């Protein structure tokens, strides 16, 4: 066998960095001192960064070009946010052995919830064990990517079959109330668990229903109102991040929309939301969800002073130029949903809406980079006067949403609405804003009001509420 054949016959093995060449590649020879394998041994000489050719008067006129300093960070660099400690928190509710033990009773648990009977202690125990299994899955640190699925196993699948074999609404309500009550009892302690577990619990609490949506059976969906109390505590808790509070505000909004909380509970929800809107440094998305929460609350008077305060709070946000456009737009929409006392100064509300429309029209021309956000704010302003669809009702659940359907404010709102329509239409269609409509709107707005202060009760409560930004 020739020398060349011997080289080809030798096994071709991959060498690790720093090792000599494998057998068959010339043991007496060494790799080139410079350059990559397969290239010549001529050393590689890096060249300076090429400077684009200068073309005077063109986009490539680089006579003032300064090479970037490799030791400096870019001017717009922002360091990444430090992860919350609670995202690394592991507090499993059960050991793997207990999980396996609870899982063995899962079929019996499903039978209990489908039958809707808790006549025996054994059935009650099976219900508790089944709920514990679901929540233990939710707190399992090895399955964080599936937490939403575990939540839905409880609030969608199990809730769908709860009291399925019952026909009388009272029987359905009785069992599902006991079912929801046990879920809340076991779920609330998880609100000091991992961040993602807290998030799922905050969502879960707003998905509990004591009556299913069954139009054929003459049953209308009804949320479990007592779940609102731990959600209110989330809003008030300064140790909860805004992301968890935002989820809690969404859940509270659903409870107000499809539940029947009593007047005291609705007042607690309203006060918590107002208190949370006092600080200006919270994230605009959280503020927007708090305002949305107020839009579904038919509370008129604060419990401390018996004075109307929701529309005052919303008007303060609407007239505040330091607030985000979308938050102000949501406040405009909410003014078309809340309940008003008969003596409300209607002109004050409608003039503020007119002035907000003028501000938006001006911003469309002065800050075109915000065009998408401004169009969204215009849509919210439109919804201050009109409902989104047939299901969009006011907070009292009596009339369609929007000021035009409000017997007290409707007459004064109509002229403002008529001048706003061509402006909103032009903004949405990306057309030129009609100047004559803007002038007419300015006339309806009158002198721009200063942002009214929040009511004294809310201010006092705000000093002790959870206002720390997380």
Protein backbone atom coordinates (compact mmCIF):
# COMPACT_ATOMS: atom_id res chain seq x y z
CA UNK A 1 0.00 0.00 0.00
CA UNK A 2 1.41 3.36 -1.03
CA UNK A 3 1.88 6.28 1.26
CA UNK A 4 -1.16 8.09 -0.15
CA UNK A 5 -3.35 4.97 0.30
CA UNK A 6 -2.17 4.69 3.88
CA UNK A 7 -3.23 8.25 4.53
CA UNK A 8 -6.73 7.63 3.09
CA UNK A 9 -7.10 4.36 4.97
CA UNK A 10 -6.35 5.95 8.33
CA UNK A 11 -9.53 6.74 10.41
CA UNK A 12 -10.54 10.39 10.20
CA UNK A 13 -11.10 11.48 13.80
CA UNK A 14 -12.15 14.95 14.99
CA UNK A 15 -9.60 16.58 17.18
CA UNK A 16 -10.41 18.89 20.07
CA UNK A 17 -8.97 22.40 20.03
CA UNK A 18 -5.32 22.35 21.08
CA UNK A 19 -4.71 18.74 20.04
CA UNK A 20 -2.18 17.79 17.37
CA UNK A 21 -3.28 16.68 13.94
CA UNK A 22 -4.79 13.18 13.79
CA UNK A 23 -2.81 10.26 12.45
CA UNK A 24 -2.46 10.15 8.70
CA UNK A 25 -2.12 13.91 8.35
CA UNK A 26 1.63 14.00 8.75
CA UNK A 27 2.83 13.49 12.28
CA UNK A 28 6.07 15.18 11.52
CA UNK A 29 4.44 18.34 10.21
CA UNK A 30 2.88 21.06 12.32
CA UNK A 31 -0.07 23.30 11.43
CA UNK A 32 0.68 26.75 10.04
CA UNK A 33 1.59 29.28 12.67
CA UNK A 34 -1.06 31.73 11.40
CA UNK A 35 -4.33 31.50 9.59
CA UNK A 36 -7.23 29.08 9.60
CA UNK A 37 -6.92 25.41 8.54
CA UNK A 38 -6.94 25.00 4.79
CA UNK A 39 -5.58 28.52 4.27
CA UNK A 40 -2.06 29.70 3.56
CA UNK A 41 0.36 30.27 6.36
CA UNK A 42 0.49 34.00 5.68
CA UNK A 43 -0.52 35.82 8.91
CA UNK A 44 -3.90 37.55 8.91
CA UNK A 45 -3.67 41.30 9.34
CA UNK A 46 -6.95 42.95 10.39
CA UNK A 47 -7.77 46.15 8.56
CA UNK A 48 -9.39 49.23 10.14
CA UNK A 49 -13.15 49.64 9.82
CA UNK A 50 -13.90 50.84 6.35
CA UNK A 51 -15.21 54.39 6.18
CA UNK A 52 -17.89 54.89 3.49
CA UNK A 53 -16.85 56.98 0.56
CA UNK A 54 -17.60 60.69 1.01
CA UNK A 55 -20.09 62.11 -1.45
CA UNK A 56 -20.56 65.83 -0.61
CA UNK A 57 -24.19 66.94 -0.31
CA UNK A 58 -25.54 63.40 -0.24
CA UNK A 59 -26.61 60.94 2.44
CA UNK A 60 -23.07 59.60 2.34
CA UNK A 61 -21.39 62.87 3.28
CA UNK A 62 -19.35 61.47 6.16
CA UNK A 63 -16.80 64.20 6.66
CA UNK A 64 -18.00 64.64 10.25
CA UNK A 65 -18.07 60.90 10.89
CA UNK A 66 -16.46 59.89 14.17
CA UNK A 67 -15.54 56.24 14.77
CA UNK A 68 -17.53 54.72 17.67
CA UNK A 69 -15.70 54.40 20.95
CA UNK A 70 -15.47 50.65 21.68
CA UNK A 71 -15.22 51.42 25.40
CA UNK A 72 -18.54 53.31 25.56
CA UNK A 73 -22.10 52.00 25.58
CA UNK A 74 -24.53 53.44 23.02
CA UNK A 75 -26.32 56.59 24.13
CA UNK A 76 -29.74 54.86 24.06
CA UNK A 77 -28.58 51.75 25.92
CA UNK A 78 -30.75 50.74 28.85
CA UNK A 79 -29.59 47.97 31.17
CA UNK A 80 -31.98 44.99 31.37
CA UNK A 81 -34.40 45.06 34.27
CA UNK A 82 -33.46 42.91 37.20
CA UNK A 83 -35.69 39.88 37.45
CA UNK A 84 -38.08 39.87 40.40
CA UNK A 85 -36.90 37.65 43.21
CA UNK A 86 -40.30 35.99 43.26
CA UNK A 87 -39.73 34.62 39.75
CA UNK A 88 -37.09 32.37 41.28
CA UNK A 89 -39.26 31.35 44.24
CA UNK A 90 -40.16 27.65 44.48
CA UNK A 91 -42.92 26.74 46.93
CA UNK A 92 -44.59 23.53 45.71
CA UNK A 93 -47.90 22.83 47.40
CA UNK A 94 -47.34 19.07 47.45
CA UNK A 95 -44.56 16.53 47.09
CA UNK A 96 -44.48 14.23 44.09
CA UNK A 97 -45.64 11.37 46.31
CA UNK A 98 -48.66 13.38 47.47
CA UNK A 99 -49.40 14.41 43.88
CA UNK A 100 -49.47 10.77 42.83
CA UNK A 101 -51.73 9.96 45.76
CA UNK A 102 -54.15 12.81 44.94
CA UNK A 103 -54.22 11.84 41.28
CA UNK A 104 -55.60 8.40 42.14
CA UNK A 105 -58.84 10.04 43.34
CA UNK A 106 -59.22 12.25 40.27
CA UNK A 107 -61.93 10.15 38.58
CA UNK A 108 -63.98 10.08 41.80
CA UNK A 109 -63.54 13.86 42.11
CA UNK A 110 -64.91 14.34 38.60
CA UNK A 111 -67.91 12.17 39.44
CA UNK A 112 -68.64 14.30 42.51
CA UNK A 113 -68.50 17.61 40.64
CA UNK A 114 -70.60 16.26 37.74
CA UNK A 115 -73.29 14.92 40.06
CA UNK A 116 -73.25 18.12 42.09
CA UNK A 117 -73.83 16.37 45.41
CA UNK A 118 -72.01 16.94 48.68
CA UNK A 119 -74.32 14.91 50.89
CA UNK A 120 -71.57 12.86 52.56
CA UNK A 121 -68.28 13.72 54.20
CA UNK A 122 -66.57 11.41 51.72
CA UNK A 123 -67.86 13.52 48.81
CA UNK A 124 -66.72 16.74 50.50
CA UNK A 125 -63.28 15.24 51.09
CA UNK A 126 -63.02 14.14 47.45
CA UNK A 127 -63.89 17.68 46.35
CA UNK A 128 -61.16 19.15 48.56
CA UNK A 129 -58.59 16.62 47.37
CA UNK A 130 -59.44 17.22 43.70
CA UNK A 131 -59.04 20.98 44.10
CA UNK A 132 -55.79 20.49 46.00
CA UNK A 133 -54.47 18.33 43.15
CA UNK A 134 -55.28 21.02 40.58
CA UNK A 135 -53.64 23.77 42.65
CA UNK A 136 -50.65 21.57 43.48
CA UNK A 137 -50.07 21.20 39.74
CA UNK A 138 -50.27 24.99 39.49
CA UNK A 139 -47.45 25.37 42.01
CA UNK A 140 -45.21 22.68 40.50
CA UNK A 141 -41.86 24.37 39.69
CA UNK A 142 -41.05 21.71 37.09
CA UNK A 143 -44.04 22.61 34.89
CA UNK A 144 -43.99 26.40 34.76
CA UNK A 145 -44.65 26.47 31.00
CA UNK A 146 -47.97 24.64 31.55
CA UNK A 147 -49.41 26.68 34.41
CA UNK A 148 -52.15 28.21 32.26
CA UNK A 149 -53.25 24.72 31.20
CA UNK A 150 -53.44 23.58 34.82
CA UNK A 151 -55.52 26.65 35.67
CA UNK A 152 -57.90 25.92 32.81
CA UNK A 153 -58.30 22.32 33.97
CA UNK A 154 -59.96 23.80 37.06
CA UNK A 155 -61.76 26.91 35.80
CA UNK A 156 -62.75 25.69 32.35
CA UNK A 157 -62.96 21.91 32.31
CA UNK A 158 -64.03 21.21 35.91
CA UNK A 159 -66.24 24.30 36.06
CA UNK A 160 -67.94 23.25 32.82
CA UNK A 161 -68.99 19.93 34.39
CA UNK A 162 -69.83 21.29 37.84
CA UNK A 163 -73.41 20.21 38.71
CA UNK A 164 -73.91 19.07 35.13
CA UNK A 165 -76.46 16.49 36.26
CA UNK A 166 -78.54 19.07 38.12
CA UNK A 167 -81.43 20.84 36.40
CA UNK A 168 -82.82 23.27 38.97
CA UNK A 169 -80.94 26.61 39.05
CA UNK A 170 -81.05 26.70 42.85
CA UNK A 171 -79.36 23.27 43.07
CA UNK A 172 -76.75 24.30 40.52
CA UNK A 173 -76.07 27.53 42.36
CA UNK A 174 -75.79 25.79 45.76
CA UNK A 175 -73.22 23.24 44.61
CA UNK A 176 -71.16 25.62 42.49
CA UNK A 177 -71.08 28.15 45.33
CA UNK A 178 -69.60 25.50 47.63
CA UNK A 179 -67.20 24.48 44.84
CA UNK A 180 -66.04 28.06 44.21
CA UNK A 181 -65.76 28.78 47.91
CA UNK A 182 -63.39 25.84 48.40
CA UNK A 183 -61.32 26.89 45.38
CA UNK A 184 -60.88 30.41 46.77
CA UNK A 185 -60.07 29.05 50.23
CA UNK A 186 -57.25 26.89 48.85
CA UNK A 187 -56.03 29.28 46.12
CA UNK A 188 -55.54 32.48 48.14
CA UNK A 189 -52.50 31.15 50.08
CA UNK A 190 -50.73 30.76 46.73
CA UNK A 191 -50.62 34.54 46.34
CA UNK A 192 -47.27 34.57 48.15
CA UNK A 193 -45.85 31.91 45.81
CA UNK A 194 -43.83 32.25 42.62
CA UNK A 195 -44.66 35.22 40.37
CA UNK A 196 -46.18 33.02 37.67
CA UNK A 197 -48.26 31.11 40.19
CA UNK A 198 -49.62 34.40 41.59
CA UNK A 199 -50.48 35.53 38.08
CA UNK A 200 -52.51 32.39 37.37
CA UNK A 201 -54.31 32.66 40.72
CA UNK A 202 -55.25 36.30 40.03
CA UNK A 203 -56.75 35.20 36.70
CA UNK A 204 -58.38 32.12 38.21
CA UNK A 205 -60.29 34.13 40.83
CA UNK A 206 -62.09 36.00 38.05
CA UNK A 207 -63.09 32.85 36.18
CA UNK A 208 -65.26 31.25 38.86
CA UNK A 209 -68.99 31.11 38.08
CA UNK A 210 -71.85 29.99 40.32
CA UNK A 211 -74.19 29.77 37.32
CA UNK A 212 -73.17 28.63 33.84
CA UNK A 213 -74.21 30.29 30.63
CA UNK A 214 -77.14 28.14 29.48
CA UNK A 215 -79.61 30.14 27.35
CA UNK A 216 -81.61 27.00 26.48
CA UNK A 217 -82.10 26.25 30.15
CA UNK A 218 -82.97 29.86 30.90
CA UNK A 219 -79.81 30.32 33.00
CA UNK A 220 -77.61 33.40 32.69
CA UNK A 221 -73.96 33.28 33.65
CA UNK A 222 -73.11 34.70 37.07
CA UNK A 223 -69.62 35.17 38.49
CA UNK A 224 -68.70 34.22 42.05
CA UNK A 225 -68.72 37.65 43.71
CA UNK A 226 -66.89 36.74 46.98
CA UNK A 227 -63.74 36.11 44.91
CA UNK A 228 -63.54 39.91 44.60
CA UNK A 229 -62.33 40.32 48.18
CA UNK A 230 -58.91 38.66 47.76
CA UNK A 231 -58.59 40.48 44.43
CA UNK A 232 -59.13 43.82 46.18
CA UNK A 233 -56.42 42.83 48.66
CA UNK A 234 -54.07 42.26 45.73
CA UNK A 235 -54.65 45.84 44.56
CA UNK A 236 -53.97 47.18 48.03
CA UNK A 237 -50.87 45.05 48.64
CA UNK A 238 -47.68 47.05 48.01
CA UNK A 239 -45.70 43.79 47.77
CA UNK A 240 -47.59 42.61 44.70
CA UNK A 241 -46.07 43.61 41.33
CA UNK A 242 -48.14 45.69 38.94
CA UNK A 243 -48.43 42.75 36.55
CA UNK A 244 -50.29 40.76 39.23
CA UNK A 245 -52.40 43.81 40.09
CA UNK A 246 -53.29 44.28 36.43
CA UNK A 247 -54.56 40.69 36.25
CA UNK A 248 -56.53 41.29 39.46
CA UNK A 249 -58.11 44.45 37.99
CA UNK A 250 -59.18 42.47 34.91
CA UNK A 251 -60.74 39.78 37.10
CA UNK A 252 -62.56 42.38 39.20
CA UNK A 253 -63.90 43.97 36.02
CA UNK A 254 -65.41 40.63 34.96
CA UNK A 255 -66.97 40.08 38.39
CA UNK A 256 -68.63 43.50 38.17
CA UNK A 257 -69.83 42.80 34.63
CA UNK A 258 -71.32 39.32 35.14
CA UNK A 259 -71.53 39.00 38.92
CA UNK A 260 -73.78 40.46 41.57
CA UNK A 261 -71.55 41.87 44.32
CA UNK A 262 -73.38 43.79 47.02
CA UNK A 263 -73.10 47.57 47.39
CA UNK A 264 -70.47 47.36 50.14
CA UNK A 265 -68.23 45.16 48.04
CA UNK A 266 -68.66 47.43 45.01
CA UNK A 267 -67.66 50.40 47.17
CA UNK A 268 -64.54 48.56 48.34
CA UNK A 269 -63.61 47.80 44.72
CA UNK A 270 -64.16 51.41 43.66
CA UNK A 271 -62.13 52.83 46.55
CA UNK A 272 -59.24 50.45 45.93
CA UNK A 273 -59.15 51.39 42.24
CA UNK A 274 -59.32 55.14 42.98
CA UNK A 275 -56.49 54.82 45.52
CA UNK A 276 -54.34 52.97 43.02
CA UNK A 277 -54.89 55.69 40.41
CA UNK A 278 -53.49 58.42 42.65
CA UNK A 279 -49.77 57.76 42.01
CA UNK A 280 -48.50 58.89 38.62
CA UNK A 281 -45.51 56.57 38.34
CA UNK A 282 -47.39 53.31 37.82
CA UNK A 283 -47.40 51.70 34.38
CA UNK A 284 -49.94 53.19 31.99
CA UNK A 285 -51.39 49.76 31.21
CA UNK A 286 -52.17 49.19 34.87
CA UNK A 287 -53.78 52.63 35.07
CA UNK A 288 -55.85 51.85 32.01
CA UNK A 289 -57.17 48.62 33.54
CA UNK A 290 -58.04 50.40 36.77
CA UNK A 291 -60.04 52.98 34.82
CA UNK A 292 -61.75 50.19 32.91
CA UNK A 293 -62.62 48.63 36.27
CA UNK A 294 -64.30 51.85 37.38
CA UNK A 295 -66.36 51.94 34.18
CA UNK A 296 -68.27 48.82 35.30
CA UNK A 297 -68.93 50.07 38.84
CA UNK A 298 -72.31 51.70 39.50
CA UNK A 299 -71.18 53.18 42.83
CA UNK A 300 -71.98 56.90 42.96
CA UNK A 301 -71.08 58.06 46.48
CA UNK A 302 -68.01 57.33 48.56
CA UNK A 303 -68.84 55.71 51.86
CA UNK A 304 -66.87 58.16 54.03
CA UNK A 305 -68.41 61.47 52.97
CA UNK A 306 -71.42 60.38 50.91
CA UNK A 307 -70.25 62.54 48.01
CA UNK A 308 -70.09 61.54 44.34
CA UNK A 309 -66.51 60.80 43.42
CA UNK A 310 -66.15 58.40 40.48
CA UNK A 311 -66.87 60.97 37.79
CA UNK A 312 -64.60 63.45 39.60
CA UNK A 313 -61.78 60.92 39.55
CA UNK A 314 -62.31 60.10 35.88
CA UNK A 315 -62.56 63.76 34.91
CA UNK A 316 -59.31 64.45 36.74
CA UNK A 317 -57.58 61.75 34.69
CA UNK A 318 -59.16 62.92 31.44
CA UNK A 319 -57.96 66.51 31.96
CA UNK A 320 -54.46 65.56 33.09
CA UNK A 321 -51.93 66.14 30.26
CA UNK A 322 -49.30 64.18 32.18
CA UNK A 323 -51.28 60.96 31.82
CA UNK A 324 -50.82 58.61 28.88
CA UNK A 325 -53.17 59.21 25.93
CA UNK A 326 -54.65 55.72 26.26
CA UNK A 327 -55.34 56.18 29.98
CA UNK A 328 -57.11 59.47 29.26
CA UNK A 329 -59.02 57.85 26.42
CA UNK A 330 -60.11 55.04 28.73
CA UNK A 331 -61.30 57.66 31.22
CA UNK A 332 -63.41 59.22 28.45
CA UNK A 333 -64.92 55.83 27.66
CA UNK A 334 -65.61 55.19 31.36
CA UNK A 335 -67.48 58.51 31.67
CA UNK A 336 -69.95 57.03 29.22
CA UNK A 337 -70.59 53.97 31.43
CA UNK A 338 -70.65 54.98 35.10
CA UNK A 339 -73.72 56.00 37.08
CA UNK A 340 -74.32 59.71 37.87
CA UNK A 341 -76.25 61.53 40.55
CA UNK A 342 -79.16 63.61 39.17
CA UNK A 343 -77.41 66.89 40.00
CA UNK A 344 -74.20 66.10 38.08
CA UNK A 345 -72.83 69.18 36.23
CA UNK A 346 -73.30 67.74 32.75
CA UNK A 347 -71.59 70.68 31.02
CA UNK A 348 -68.41 70.04 32.98
CA UNK A 349 -68.25 66.48 31.65
CA UNK A 350 -69.12 67.24 28.03
CA UNK A 351 -66.80 70.26 27.82
CA UNK A 352 -63.89 68.14 29.07
CA UNK A 353 -64.65 65.55 26.39
CA UNK A 354 -64.67 68.29 23.75
CA UNK A 355 -61.34 69.66 24.96
CA UNK A 356 -59.84 66.19 24.90
CA UNK A 357 -60.91 65.82 21.28
CA UNK A 358 -59.20 69.12 20.42
CA UNK A 359 -56.02 67.97 22.17
CA UNK A 360 -56.01 64.71 20.23
CA UNK A 361 -56.53 66.53 16.92
CA UNK A 362 -53.63 68.86 17.69
CA UNK A 363 -51.37 65.97 18.70
CA UNK A 364 -52.11 64.14 15.44
CA UNK A 365 -50.35 67.01 13.65
CA UNK A 366 -47.60 67.82 16.16
CA UNK A 367 -46.53 64.27 17.10
CA UNK A 368 -47.09 62.03 14.06
CA UNK A 369 -44.90 59.37 15.65
CA UNK A 370 -47.74 58.76 18.14
CA UNK A 371 -50.34 58.37 15.42
CA UNK A 372 -51.27 54.75 16.20
CA UNK A 373 -51.76 55.47 19.90
CA UNK A 374 -53.73 58.65 19.16
CA UNK A 375 -56.07 56.78 16.83
CA UNK A 376 -56.74 54.28 19.62
CA UNK A 377 -57.47 57.17 21.97
CA UNK A 378 -59.89 58.60 19.40
CA UNK A 379 -61.74 55.26 19.31
CA UNK A 380 -62.05 55.32 23.10
CA UNK A 381 -63.36 58.89 22.88
CA UNK A 382 -65.98 57.73 20.38
CA UNK A 383 -67.01 55.01 22.85
CA UNK A 384 -67.69 57.72 25.43
CA UNK A 385 -70.82 58.43 23.39
CA UNK A 386 -71.70 55.12 21.74
CA UNK A 387 -71.68 51.41 22.73
CA UNK A 388 -69.15 49.05 21.21
CA UNK A 389 -71.81 46.43 20.42
CA UNK A 390 -75.15 45.15 21.70
CA UNK A 391 -73.54 43.59 24.78
CA UNK A 392 -71.88 46.86 25.84
CA UNK A 393 -74.06 48.17 28.67
CA UNK A 394 -73.67 50.90 31.26
CA UNK A 395 -72.59 50.09 34.82
CA UNK A 396 -76.22 49.83 35.93
CA UNK A 397 -76.76 47.19 33.20
CA UNK A 398 -79.93 48.98 32.10
CA UNK A 399 -79.00 51.00 29.02
CA UNK A 400 -76.51 50.76 26.18
CA UNK A 401 -73.09 52.16 26.97
CA UNK A 402 -72.36 55.75 25.95
CA UNK A 403 -73.51 59.19 27.02
CA UNK A 404 -76.04 59.49 24.19
CA UNK A 405 -78.19 56.86 25.96
CA UNK A 406 -77.87 58.68 29.31
CA UNK A 407 -81.02 60.64 30.09
CA UNK A 408 -79.13 63.19 32.22
CA UNK A 409 -76.08 63.90 30.06
CA UNK A 410 -77.34 62.84 26.62
CA UNK A 411 -78.80 66.20 25.51
CA UNK A 412 -75.57 68.10 26.25
CA UNK A 413 -73.39 65.30 24.88
CA UNK A 414 -75.03 65.20 21.45
CA UNK A 415 -73.60 68.50 20.05
CA UNK A 416 -70.09 67.50 21.13
CA UNK A 417 -70.54 64.08 19.52
CA UNK A 418 -71.71 65.60 16.23
CA UNK A 419 -68.57 67.74 15.97
CA UNK A 420 -66.31 64.88 17.00
CA UNK A 421 -67.55 62.41 14.37
CA UNK A 422 -65.82 63.99 11.32
CA UNK A 423 -62.59 64.41 13.33
CA UNK A 424 -62.60 60.82 14.54
CA UNK A 425 -63.47 59.52 11.08
CA UNK A 426 -60.57 61.44 9.52
CA UNK A 427 -58.13 60.25 12.20
CA UNK A 428 -59.08 56.59 11.79
CA UNK A 429 -58.92 56.77 7.99
CA UNK A 430 -55.59 58.63 8.16
CA UNK A 431 -57.02 61.67 6.44
CA UNK A 432 -56.53 65.38 7.12
CA UNK A 433 -58.28 66.55 10.28
CA UNK A 434 -61.10 68.97 9.32
CA UNK A 435 -60.18 72.36 10.79
CA UNK A 436 -63.75 73.70 10.91
CA UNK A 437 -64.88 70.79 13.08
CA UNK A 438 -61.93 71.38 15.43
CA UNK A 439 -62.90 75.08 15.76
CA UNK A 440 -66.50 74.16 16.49
CA UNK A 441 -65.32 71.66 19.08
CA UNK A 442 -63.15 74.32 20.71
CA UNK A 443 -66.19 76.54 21.03
CA UNK A 444 -68.13 73.75 22.71
CA UNK A 445 -65.25 73.08 25.08
CA UNK A 446 -65.09 76.66 26.29
CA UNK A 447 -62.24 77.52 28.60
CA UNK A 448 -60.17 74.45 29.29
CA UNK A 449 -60.72 73.38 32.90
CA UNK A 450 -57.92 72.61 35.28
CA UNK A 451 -57.67 69.01 36.40
CA UNK A 452 -59.93 68.76 39.46
CA UNK A 453 -58.32 67.33 42.60
CA UNK A 454 -59.25 63.85 43.72
CA UNK A 455 -61.80 63.81 46.52
CA UNK A 456 -60.48 64.21 50.06
CA UNK A 457 -61.46 60.71 51.10
CA UNK A 458 -59.52 59.16 48.24
CA UNK A 459 -56.49 61.33 48.95
CA UNK A 460 -56.47 60.34 52.59
CA UNK A 461 -56.83 56.68 51.74
CA UNK A 462 -54.13 56.94 49.08
CA UNK A 463 -51.47 57.85 51.61
CA UNK A 464 -51.84 54.49 53.28
CA UNK A 465 -52.61 52.30 50.26
CA UNK A 466 -50.13 50.19 48.32
CA UNK A 467 -48.65 52.75 45.99
CA UNK A 468 -45.13 51.35 45.74
CA UNK A 469 -44.15 50.55 42.20
CA UNK A 470 -42.67 47.09 41.83
